[in-house]
């Protein structure tokens, strides 16, 4: 894997993990912030939450396993982004 893939994937992962953490934090409130936190979690990590739930067999899924999936899918996104950027640059 090239350094560009890891750098872009790490950047995407960092942003998504921050959104995930803020969403979890906001779920702890009993007012409208809880709704915002819920939507942040769903829009950011619905695939990862589903995978983690399927593997553990419990809902909600484990936070650590979901975070690992977020990092893994972010690196895949970084790989795709780098390939697309290199393809466009070579044309």
PDB file of N, CA and C in Angstrom:
ATOM      1  N   UNK A   1       0.830  -1.170   0.000  1.00  0.00           N
ATOM      2  CA  UNK A   1       0.000   0.000   0.000  1.00  0.00           C
ATOM      3  C   UNK A   1       0.883   1.245   0.000  1.00  0.00           C
ATOM      4  N   UNK A   2       0.508   2.189  -0.791  1.00  0.00           N
ATOM      5  CA  UNK A   2       1.322   3.398  -0.903  1.00  0.00           C
ATOM      6  C   UNK A   2       1.097   4.318   0.301  1.00  0.00           C
ATOM      7  N   UNK A   3       2.059   5.178   0.562  1.00  0.00           N
ATOM      8  CA  UNK A   3       1.904   6.129   1.674  1.00  0.00           C
ATOM      9  C   UNK A   3       0.712   7.065   1.492  1.00  0.00           C
ATOM     10  N   UNK A   4       0.393   7.392   0.236  1.00  0.00           N
ATOM     11  CA  UNK A   4      -0.748   8.284  -0.018  1.00  0.00           C
ATOM     12  C   UNK A   4      -2.050   7.624   0.417  1.00  0.00           C
ATOM     13  N   UNK A   5      -2.179   6.322   0.161  1.00  0.00           N
ATOM     14  CA  UNK A   5      -3.391   5.603   0.563  1.00  0.00           C
ATOM     15  C   UNK A   5      -3.534   5.630   2.073  1.00  0.00           C
ATOM     16  N   UNK A   6      -2.446   5.333   2.767  1.00  0.00           N
ATOM     17  CA  UNK A   6      -2.506   5.319   4.228  1.00  0.00           C
ATOM     18  C   UNK A   6      -2.769   6.706   4.799  1.00  0.00           C
ATOM     19  N   UNK A   7      -2.176   7.723   4.198  1.00  0.00           N
ATOM     20  CA  UNK A   7      -2.373   9.093   4.682  1.00  0.00           C
ATOM     21  C   UNK A   7      -3.820   9.541   4.485  1.00  0.00           C
ATOM     22  N   UNK A   8      -4.358   9.304   3.310  1.00  0.00           N
ATOM     23  CA  UNK A   8      -5.747   9.697   3.033  1.00  0.00           C
ATOM     24  C   UNK A   8      -6.712   8.863   3.864  1.00  0.00           C
ATOM     25  N   UNK A   9      -6.454   7.549   3.946  1.00  0.00           N
ATOM     26  CA  UNK A   9      -7.302   6.671   4.752  1.00  0.00           C
ATOM     27  C   UNK A   9      -7.286   7.056   6.222  1.00  0.00           C
ATOM     28  N   UNK A  10      -6.108   7.415   6.725  1.00  0.00           N
ATOM     29  CA  UNK A  10      -6.006   7.834   8.130  1.00  0.00           C
ATOM     30  C   UNK A  10      -6.758   9.136   8.365  1.00  0.00           C
ATOM     31  N   UNK A  11      -6.695  10.053   7.411  1.00  0.00           N
ATOM     32  CA  UNK A  11      -7.429  11.311   7.540  1.00  0.00           C
ATOM     33  C   UNK A  11      -8.934  11.092   7.553  1.00  0.00           C
ATOM     34  N   UNK A  12      -9.406  10.242   6.643  1.00  0.00           N
ATOM     35  CA  UNK A  12     -10.832   9.923   6.608  1.00  0.00           C
ATOM     36  C   UNK A  12     -11.241   9.231   7.907  1.00  0.00           C
ATOM     37  N   UNK A  13     -10.410   8.293   8.362  1.00  0.00           N
ATOM     38  CA  UNK A  13     -10.721   7.562   9.598  1.00  0.00           C
ATOM     39  C   UNK A  13     -10.784   8.503  10.790  1.00  0.00           C
ATOM     40  N   UNK A  14      -9.857   9.434  10.871  1.00  0.00           N
ATOM     41  CA  UNK A  14      -9.840  10.377  11.988  1.00  0.00           C
ATOM     42  C   UNK A  14     -11.112  11.209  12.026  1.00  0.00           C
ATOM     43  N   UNK A  15     -11.506  11.724  10.890  1.00  0.00           N
ATOM     44  CA  UNK A  15     -12.727  12.529  10.824  1.00  0.00           C
ATOM     45  C   UNK A  15     -13.939  11.687  11.205  1.00  0.00           C
ATOM     46  N   UNK A  16     -14.030  10.469  10.662  1.00  0.00           N
ATOM     47  CA  UNK A  16     -15.184   9.615  10.947  1.00  0.00           C
ATOM     48  C   UNK A  16     -15.208   9.157  12.403  1.00  0.00           C
ATOM     49  N   UNK A  17     -14.046   8.906  13.002  1.00  0.00           N
ATOM     50  CA  UNK A  17     -14.008   8.517  14.415  1.00  0.00           C
ATOM     51  C   UNK A  17     -14.417   9.667  15.319  1.00  0.00           C
ATOM     52  N   UNK A  18     -14.051  10.886  14.947  1.00  0.00           N
ATOM     53  CA  UNK A  18     -14.482  12.055  15.720  1.00  0.00           C
ATOM     54  C   UNK A  18     -16.004  12.201  15.648  1.00  0.00           C
ATOM     55  N   UNK A  19     -16.560  12.050  14.457  1.00  0.00           N
ATOM     56  CA  UNK A  19     -18.017  12.134  14.306  1.00  0.00           C
ATOM     57  C   UNK A  19     -18.693  11.017  15.108  1.00  0.00           C
ATOM     58  N   UNK A  20     -18.111   9.815  15.089  1.00  0.00           N
ATOM     59  CA  UNK A  20     -18.652   8.689  15.842  1.00  0.00           C
ATOM     60  C   UNK A  20     -18.636   8.986  17.344  1.00  0.00           C
ATOM     61  N   UNK A  21     -17.519   9.501  17.837  1.00  0.00           N
ATOM     62  CA  UNK A  21     -17.399   9.802  19.274  1.00  0.00           C
ATOM     63  C   UNK A  21     -18.360  10.905  19.697  1.00  0.00           C
ATOM     64  N   UNK A  22     -18.487  11.940  18.895  1.00  0.00           N
ATOM     65  CA  UNK A  22     -19.410  13.030  19.219  1.00  0.00           C
ATOM     66  C   UNK A  22     -20.852  12.516  19.202  1.00  0.00           C
ATOM     67  N   UNK A  23     -21.176  11.662  18.226  1.00  0.00           N
ATOM     68  CA  UNK A  23     -22.513  11.078  18.173  1.00  0.00           C
ATOM     69  C   UNK A  23     -22.821  10.246  19.404  1.00  0.00           C
ATOM     70  N   UNK A  24     -21.853   9.443  19.851  1.00  0.00           N
ATOM     71  CA  UNK A  24     -22.047   8.655  21.080  1.00  0.00           C
ATOM     72  C   UNK A  24     -22.224   9.556  22.291  1.00  0.00           C
ATOM     73  N   UNK A  25     -21.443  10.629  22.351  1.00  0.00           N
ATOM     74  CA  UNK A  25     -21.549  11.577  23.459  1.00  0.00           C
ATOM     75  C   UNK A  25     -22.944  12.217  23.487  1.00  0.00           C
ATOM     76  N   UNK A  26     -23.432  12.631  22.330  1.00  0.00           N
ATOM     77  CA  UNK A  26     -24.728  13.298  22.275  1.00  0.00           C
ATOM     78  C   UNK A  26     -25.885  12.367  22.606  1.00  0.00           C
ATOM     79  N   UNK A  27     -25.707  11.063  22.423  1.00  0.00           N
ATOM     80  CA  UNK A  27     -26.771  10.121  22.773  1.00  0.00           C
ATOM     81  C   UNK A  27     -27.047  10.092  24.274  1.00  0.00           C
ATOM     82  N   UNK A  28     -26.116  10.573  25.080  1.00  0.00           N
ATOM     83  CA  UNK A  28     -26.283  10.568  26.527  1.00  0.00           C
ATOM     84  C   UNK A  28     -27.240  11.622  27.054  1.00  0.00           C
ATOM     85  N   UNK A  29     -27.672  12.538  26.213  1.00  0.00           N
ATOM     86  CA  UNK A  29     -28.582  13.592  26.648  1.00  0.00           C
ATOM     87  C   UNK A  29     -30.025  13.192  26.373  1.00  0.00           C
ATOM     88  N   UNK A  30     -30.940  13.754  27.118  1.00  0.00           N
ATOM     89  CA  UNK A  30     -32.350  13.422  26.962  1.00  0.00           C
ATOM     90  C   UNK A  30     -33.140  14.478  26.222  1.00  0.00           C
ATOM     91  N   UNK A  31     -32.478  15.320  25.473  1.00  0.00           N
ATOM     92  CA  UNK A  31     -33.189  16.371  24.743  1.00  0.00           C
ATOM     93  C   UNK A  31     -32.882  16.261  23.254  1.00  0.00           C
ATOM     94  N   UNK A  32     -32.979  17.369  22.535  1.00  0.00           N
ATOM     95  CA  UNK A  32     -32.794  17.344  21.091  1.00  0.00           C
ATOM     96  C   UNK A  32     -31.366  16.981  20.673  1.00  0.00           C
ATOM     97  N   UNK A  33     -30.400  17.118  21.581  1.00  0.00           N
ATOM     98  CA  UNK A  33     -29.032  16.719  21.247  1.00  0.00           C
ATOM     99  C   UNK A  33     -28.950  15.216  20.988  1.00  0.00           C
ATOM    100  N   UNK A  34     -29.811  14.458  21.632  1.00  0.00           N
ATOM    101  CA  UNK A  34     -29.832  13.017  21.419  1.00  0.00           C
ATOM    102  C   UNK A  34     -30.220  12.688  19.971  1.00  0.00           C
ATOM    103  N   UNK A  35     -31.145  13.439  19.428  1.00  0.00           N
ATOM    104  CA  UNK A  35     -31.571  13.230  18.043  1.00  0.00           C
ATOM    105  C   UNK A  35     -30.420  13.530  17.093  1.00  0.00           C
ATOM    106  N   UNK A  36     -29.710  14.623  17.338  1.00  0.00           N
ATOM    107  CA  UNK A  36     -28.555  14.979  16.508  1.00  0.00           C
ATOM    108  C   UNK A  36     -27.495  13.882  16.595  1.00  0.00           C
ATOM    109  N   UNK A  37     -27.228  13.376  17.792  1.00  0.00           N
ATOM    110  CA  UNK A  37     -26.258  12.298  17.966  1.00  0.00           C
ATOM    111  C   UNK A  37     -26.658  11.040  17.225  1.00  0.00           C
ATOM    112  N   UNK A  38     -27.937  10.703  17.275  1.00  0.00           N
ATOM    113  CA  UNK A  38     -28.431   9.521  16.565  1.00  0.00           C
ATOM    114  C   UNK A  38     -28.196   9.663  15.064  1.00  0.00           C
ATOM    115  N   UNK A  39     -28.550  10.798  14.500  1.00  0.00           N
ATOM    116  CA  UNK A  39     -28.362  10.998  13.065  1.00  0.00           C
ATOM    117  C   UNK A  39     -26.882  11.026  12.681  1.00  0.00           C
ATOM    118  N   UNK A  40     -26.043  11.561  13.562  1.00  0.00           N
ATOM    119  CA  UNK A  40     -24.602  11.541  13.283  1.00  0.00           C
ATOM    120  C   UNK A  40     -24.091  10.108  13.209  1.00  0.00           C
ATOM    121  N   UNK A  41     -24.559   9.255  14.114  1.00  0.00           N
ATOM    122  CA  UNK A  41     -24.134   7.855  14.094  1.00  0.00           C
ATOM    123  C   UNK A  41     -24.643   7.129  12.859  1.00  0.00           C
ATOM    124  N   UNK A  42     -25.896   7.322  12.552  1.00  0.00           N
ATOM    125  CA  UNK A  42     -26.490   6.603  11.424  1.00  0.00           C
ATOM    126  C   UNK A  42     -25.883   7.062  10.102  1.00  0.00           C
ATOM    127  N   UNK A  43     -25.773   8.351   9.889  1.00  0.00           N
ATOM    128  CA  UNK A  43     -25.236   8.846   8.624  1.00  0.00           C
ATOM    129  C   UNK A  43     -23.752   8.535   8.458  1.00  0.00           C
ATOM    130  N   UNK A  44     -23.025   8.460   9.556  1.00  0.00           N
ATOM    131  CA  UNK A  44     -21.583   8.239   9.487  1.00  0.00           C
ATOM    132  C   UNK A  44     -21.222   6.764   9.389  1.00  0.00           C
ATOM    133  N   UNK A  45     -21.931   5.914  10.105  1.00  0.00           N
ATOM    134  CA  UNK A  45     -21.415   4.549  10.265  1.00  0.00           C
ATOM    135  C   UNK A  45     -22.483   3.466  10.250  1.00  0.00           C
ATOM    136  N   UNK A  46     -23.486   3.592   9.407  1.00  0.00           N
ATOM    137  CA  UNK A  46     -24.549   2.596   9.386  1.00  0.00           C
ATOM    138  C   UNK A  46     -24.022   1.234   8.945  1.00  0.00           C
ATOM    139  N   UNK A  47     -23.117   1.186   7.993  1.00  0.00           N
ATOM    140  CA  UNK A  47     -22.566  -0.091   7.521  1.00  0.00           C
ATOM    141  C   UNK A  47     -21.736  -0.747   8.621  1.00  0.00           C
ATOM    142  N   UNK A  48     -20.882   0.038   9.258  1.00  0.00           N
ATOM    143  CA  UNK A  48     -20.018  -0.505  10.298  1.00  0.00           C
ATOM    144  C   UNK A  48     -20.824  -0.973  11.515  1.00  0.00           C
ATOM    145  N   UNK A  49     -21.851  -0.209  11.895  1.00  0.00           N
ATOM    146  CA  UNK A  49     -22.709  -0.615  13.011  1.00  0.00           C
ATOM    147  C   UNK A  49     -23.425  -1.924  12.696  1.00  0.00           C
ATOM    148  N   UNK A  50     -23.865  -2.078  11.457  1.00  0.00           N
ATOM    149  CA  UNK A  50     -24.547  -3.304  11.053  1.00  0.00           C
ATOM    150  C   UNK A  50     -23.600  -4.496  11.067  1.00  0.00           C
ATOM    151  N   UNK A  51     -22.393  -4.315  10.549  1.00  0.00           N
ATOM    152  CA  UNK A  51     -21.409  -5.399  10.566  1.00  0.00           C
ATOM    153  C   UNK A  51     -21.060  -5.822  11.984  1.00  0.00           C
ATOM    154  N   UNK A  52     -20.829  -4.850  12.846  1.00  0.00           N
ATOM    155  CA  UNK A  52     -20.476  -5.159  14.231  1.00  0.00           C
ATOM    156  C   UNK A  52     -21.624  -5.859  14.947  1.00  0.00           C
ATOM    157  N   UNK A  53     -22.855  -5.445  14.699  1.00  0.00           N
ATOM    158  CA  UNK A  53     -24.018  -6.092  15.306  1.00  0.00           C
ATOM    159  C   UNK A  53     -24.167  -7.527  14.812  1.00  0.00           C
ATOM    160  N   UNK A  54     -23.931  -7.729  13.525  1.00  0.00           N
ATOM    161  CA  UNK A  54     -24.043  -9.075  12.965  1.00  0.00           C
ATOM    162  C   UNK A  54     -22.975 -10.008  13.540  1.00  0.00           C
ATOM    163  N   UNK A  55     -21.783  -9.498  13.737  1.00  0.00           N
ATOM    164  CA  UNK A  55     -20.701 -10.335  14.264  1.00  0.00           C
ATOM    165  C   UNK A  55     -20.862 -10.637  15.751  1.00  0.00           C
ATOM    166  N   UNK A  56     -21.331  -9.661  16.521  1.00  0.00           N
ATOM    167  CA  UNK A  56     -21.458  -9.880  17.961  1.00  0.00           C
ATOM    168  C   UNK A  56     -22.803 -10.464  18.355  1.00  0.00           C
ATOM    169  N   UNK A  57     -23.799 -10.294  17.500  1.00  0.00           N
ATOM    170  CA  UNK A  57     -25.124 -10.810  17.801  1.00  0.00           C
ATOM    171  C   UNK A  57     -25.878  -9.988  18.830  1.00  0.00           C
ATOM    172  N   UNK A  58     -25.449  -8.785  19.085  1.00  0.00           N
ATOM    173  CA  UNK A  58     -26.165  -7.945  20.048  1.00  0.00           C
ATOM    174  C   UNK A  58     -26.338  -6.542  19.495  1.00  0.00           C
ATOM    175  N   UNK A  59     -27.375  -5.916  19.967  1.00  0.00           N
ATOM    176  CA  UNK A  59     -27.641  -4.529  19.588  1.00  0.00           C
ATOM    177  C   UNK A  59     -27.657  -3.713  20.846  1.00  0.00           C
ATOM    178  N   UNK A  60     -27.060  -2.608  20.945  1.00  0.00           N
ATOM    179  CA  UNK A  60     -26.166  -2.023  19.957  1.00  0.00           C
ATOM    180  C   UNK A  60     -24.825  -2.761  19.924  1.00  0.00           C
ATOM    181  N   UNK A  61     -24.155  -2.588  18.832  1.00  0.00           N
ATOM    182  CA  UNK A  61     -22.867  -3.253  18.640  1.00  0.00           C
ATOM    183  C   UNK A  61     -21.814  -2.638  19.553  1.00  0.00           C
ATOM    184  N   UNK A  62     -20.735  -3.356  19.738  1.00  0.00           N
ATOM    185  CA  UNK A  62     -19.645  -2.846  20.554  1.00  0.00           C
ATOM    186  C   UNK A  62     -18.994  -1.628  19.926  1.00  0.00           C
ATOM    187  N   UNK A  63     -18.678  -0.654  20.743  1.00  0.00           N
ATOM    188  CA  UNK A  63     -18.094   0.587  20.237  1.00  0.00           C
ATOM    189  C   UNK A  63     -16.706   0.372  19.654  1.00  0.00           C
ATOM    190  N   UNK A  64     -15.905  -0.471  20.295  1.00  0.00           N
ATOM    191  CA  UNK A  64     -14.548  -0.704  19.816  1.00  0.00           C
ATOM    192  C   UNK A  64     -14.555  -1.426  18.474  1.00  0.00           C
ATOM    193  N   UNK A  65     -15.385  -2.444  18.327  1.00  0.00           N
ATOM    194  CA  UNK A  65     -15.462  -3.169  17.064  1.00  0.00           C
ATOM    195  C   UNK A  65     -15.968  -2.258  15.952  1.00  0.00           C
ATOM    196  N   UNK A  66     -16.936  -1.420  16.249  1.00  0.00           N
ATOM    197  CA  UNK A  66     -17.432  -0.470  15.259  1.00  0.00           C
ATOM    198  C   UNK A  66     -16.332   0.501  14.851  1.00  0.00           C
ATOM    199  N   UNK A  67     -15.544   0.975  15.804  1.00  0.00           N
ATOM    200  CA  UNK A  67     -14.434   1.880  15.486  1.00  0.00           C
ATOM    201  C   UNK A  67     -13.397   1.196  14.605  1.00  0.00           C
ATOM    202  N   UNK A  68     -13.125  -0.080  14.864  1.00  0.00           N
ATOM    203  CA  UNK A  68     -12.183  -0.828  14.017  1.00  0.00           C
ATOM    204  C   UNK A  68     -12.720  -0.927  12.598  1.00  0.00           C
ATOM    205  N   UNK A  69     -13.996  -1.198  12.453  1.00  0.00           N
ATOM    206  CA  UNK A  69     -14.591  -1.244  11.115  1.00  0.00           C
ATOM    207  C   UNK A  69     -14.553   0.121  10.433  1.00  0.00           C
ATOM    208  N   UNK A  70     -14.749   1.198  11.190  1.00  0.00           N
ATOM    209  CA  UNK A  70     -14.669   2.540  10.604  1.00  0.00           C
ATOM    210  C   UNK A  70     -13.271   2.789  10.046  1.00  0.00           C
ATOM    211  N   UNK A  71     -12.245   2.412  10.799  1.00  0.00           N
ATOM    212  CA  UNK A  71     -10.868   2.591  10.319  1.00  0.00           C
ATOM    213  C   UNK A  71     -10.629   1.752   9.062  1.00  0.00           C
ATOM    214  N   UNK A  72     -11.077   0.496   9.076  1.00  0.00           N
ATOM    215  CA  UNK A  72     -10.859  -0.386   7.925  1.00  0.00           C
ATOM    216  C   UNK A  72     -11.556   0.131   6.673  1.00  0.00           C
ATOM    217  N   UNK A  73     -12.817   0.528   6.801  1.00  0.00           N
ATOM    218  CA  UNK A  73     -13.520   1.034   5.626  1.00  0.00           C
ATOM    219  C   UNK A  73     -12.970   2.384   5.180  1.00  0.00           C
ATOM    220  N   UNK A  74     -12.443   3.175   6.100  1.00  0.00           N
ATOM    221  CA  UNK A  74     -11.842   4.456   5.723  1.00  0.00           C
ATOM    222  C   UNK A  74     -10.569   4.242   4.919  1.00  0.00           C
ATOM    223  N   UNK A  75      -9.789   3.233   5.278  1.00  0.00           N
ATOM    224  CA  UNK A  75      -8.592   2.943   4.485  1.00  0.00           C
ATOM    225  C   UNK A  75      -8.986   2.463   3.094  1.00  0.00           C
ATOM    226  N   UNK A  76     -10.064   1.670   2.998  1.00  0.00           N
ATOM    227  CA  UNK A  76     -10.554   1.280   1.679  1.00  0.00           C
ATOM    228  C   UNK A  76     -11.025   2.493   0.880  1.00  0.00           C
ATOM    229  N   UNK A  77     -11.697   3.433   1.542  1.00  0.00           N
ATOM    230  CA  UNK A  77     -12.094   4.678   0.863  1.00  0.00           C
ATOM    231  C   UNK A  77     -10.870   5.463   0.410  1.00  0.00           C
ATOM    232  N   UNK A  78      -9.842   5.504   1.248  1.00  0.00           N
ATOM    233  CA  UNK A  78      -8.600   6.177   0.870  1.00  0.00           C
ATOM    234  C   UNK A  78      -7.950   5.529  -0.330  1.00  0.00           C
ATOM    235  N   UNK A  79      -7.996   4.205  -0.389  1.00  0.00           N
ATOM    236  CA  UNK A  79      -7.447   3.479  -1.538  1.00  0.00           C
ATOM    237  C   UNK A  79      -8.214   3.845  -2.813  1.00  0.00           C
ATOM    238  N   UNK A  80      -9.540   3.831  -2.725  1.00  0.00           N
ATOM    239  CA  UNK A  80     -10.345   4.189  -3.890  1.00  0.00           C
ATOM    240  C   UNK A  80     -10.140   5.628  -4.325  1.00  0.00           C
ATOM    241  N   UNK A  81     -10.045   6.517  -3.365  1.00  0.00           N
ATOM    242  CA  UNK A  81      -9.837   7.926  -3.664  1.00  0.00           C
ATOM    243  C   UNK A  81      -8.486   8.143  -4.335  1.00  0.00           C
ATOM    244  N   UNK A  82      -7.447   7.487  -3.838  1.00  0.00           N
ATOM    245  CA  UNK A  82      -6.112   7.623  -4.415  1.00  0.00           C
ATOM    246  C   UNK A  82      -6.070   7.076  -5.832  1.00  0.00           C
ATOM    247  N   UNK A  83      -6.694   5.924  -6.050  1.00  0.00           N
ATOM    248  CA  UNK A  83      -6.718   5.360  -7.410  1.00  0.00           C
ATOM    249  C   UNK A  83      -7.443   6.287  -8.369  1.00  0.00           C
ATOM    250  N   UNK A  84      -8.573   6.833  -7.930  1.00  0.00           N
ATOM    251  CA  UNK A  84      -9.331   7.732  -8.782  1.00  0.00           C
ATOM    252  C   UNK A  84      -8.535   8.994  -9.075  1.00  0.00           C
ATOM    253  N   UNK A  85      -7.876   9.537  -8.055  1.00  0.00           N
ATOM    254  CA  UNK A  85      -7.084  10.750  -8.245  1.00  0.00           C
ATOM    255  C   UNK A  85      -5.914  10.500  -9.192  1.00  0.00           C
ATOM    256  N   UNK A  86      -5.259   9.350  -9.058  1.00  0.00           N
ATOM    257  CA  UNK A  86      -4.150   9.020  -9.955  1.00  0.00           C
ATOM    258  C   UNK A  86      -4.605   8.775 -11.374  1.00  0.00           C
ATOM    259  N   UNK A  87      -5.773   8.181 -11.518  1.00  0.00           N
ATOM    260  CA  UNK A  87      -6.314   7.931 -12.862  1.00  0.00           C
ATOM    261  C   UNK A  87      -6.651   9.249 -13.553  1.00  0.00           C
ATOM    262  N   UNK A  88      -7.250  10.178 -12.818  1.00  0.00           N
ATOM    263  CA  UNK A  88      -7.603  11.471 -13.400  1.00  0.00           C
ATOM    264  C   UNK A  88      -6.337  12.265 -13.721  1.00  0.00           C
ATOM    265  N   UNK A  89      -5.340  12.189 -12.849  1.00  0.00           N
ATOM    266  CA  UNK A  89      -4.095  12.933 -13.070  1.00  0.00           C
ATOM    267  C   UNK A  89      -3.316  12.399 -14.260  1.00  0.00           C
ATOM    268  N   UNK A  90      -3.440  11.111 -14.585  1.00  0.00           N
ATOM    269  CA  UNK A  90      -2.684  10.539 -15.686  1.00  0.00           C
ATOM    270  C   UNK A  90      -3.328  10.785 -17.036  1.00  0.00           C
ATOM    271  N   UNK A  91      -4.544  11.270 -17.047  1.00  0.00           N
ATOM    272  CA  UNK A  91      -5.232  11.510 -18.325  1.00  0.00           C
ATOM    273  C   UNK A  91      -4.925  12.835 -18.908  1.00  0.00           C
TER     274      UNK A  91
END
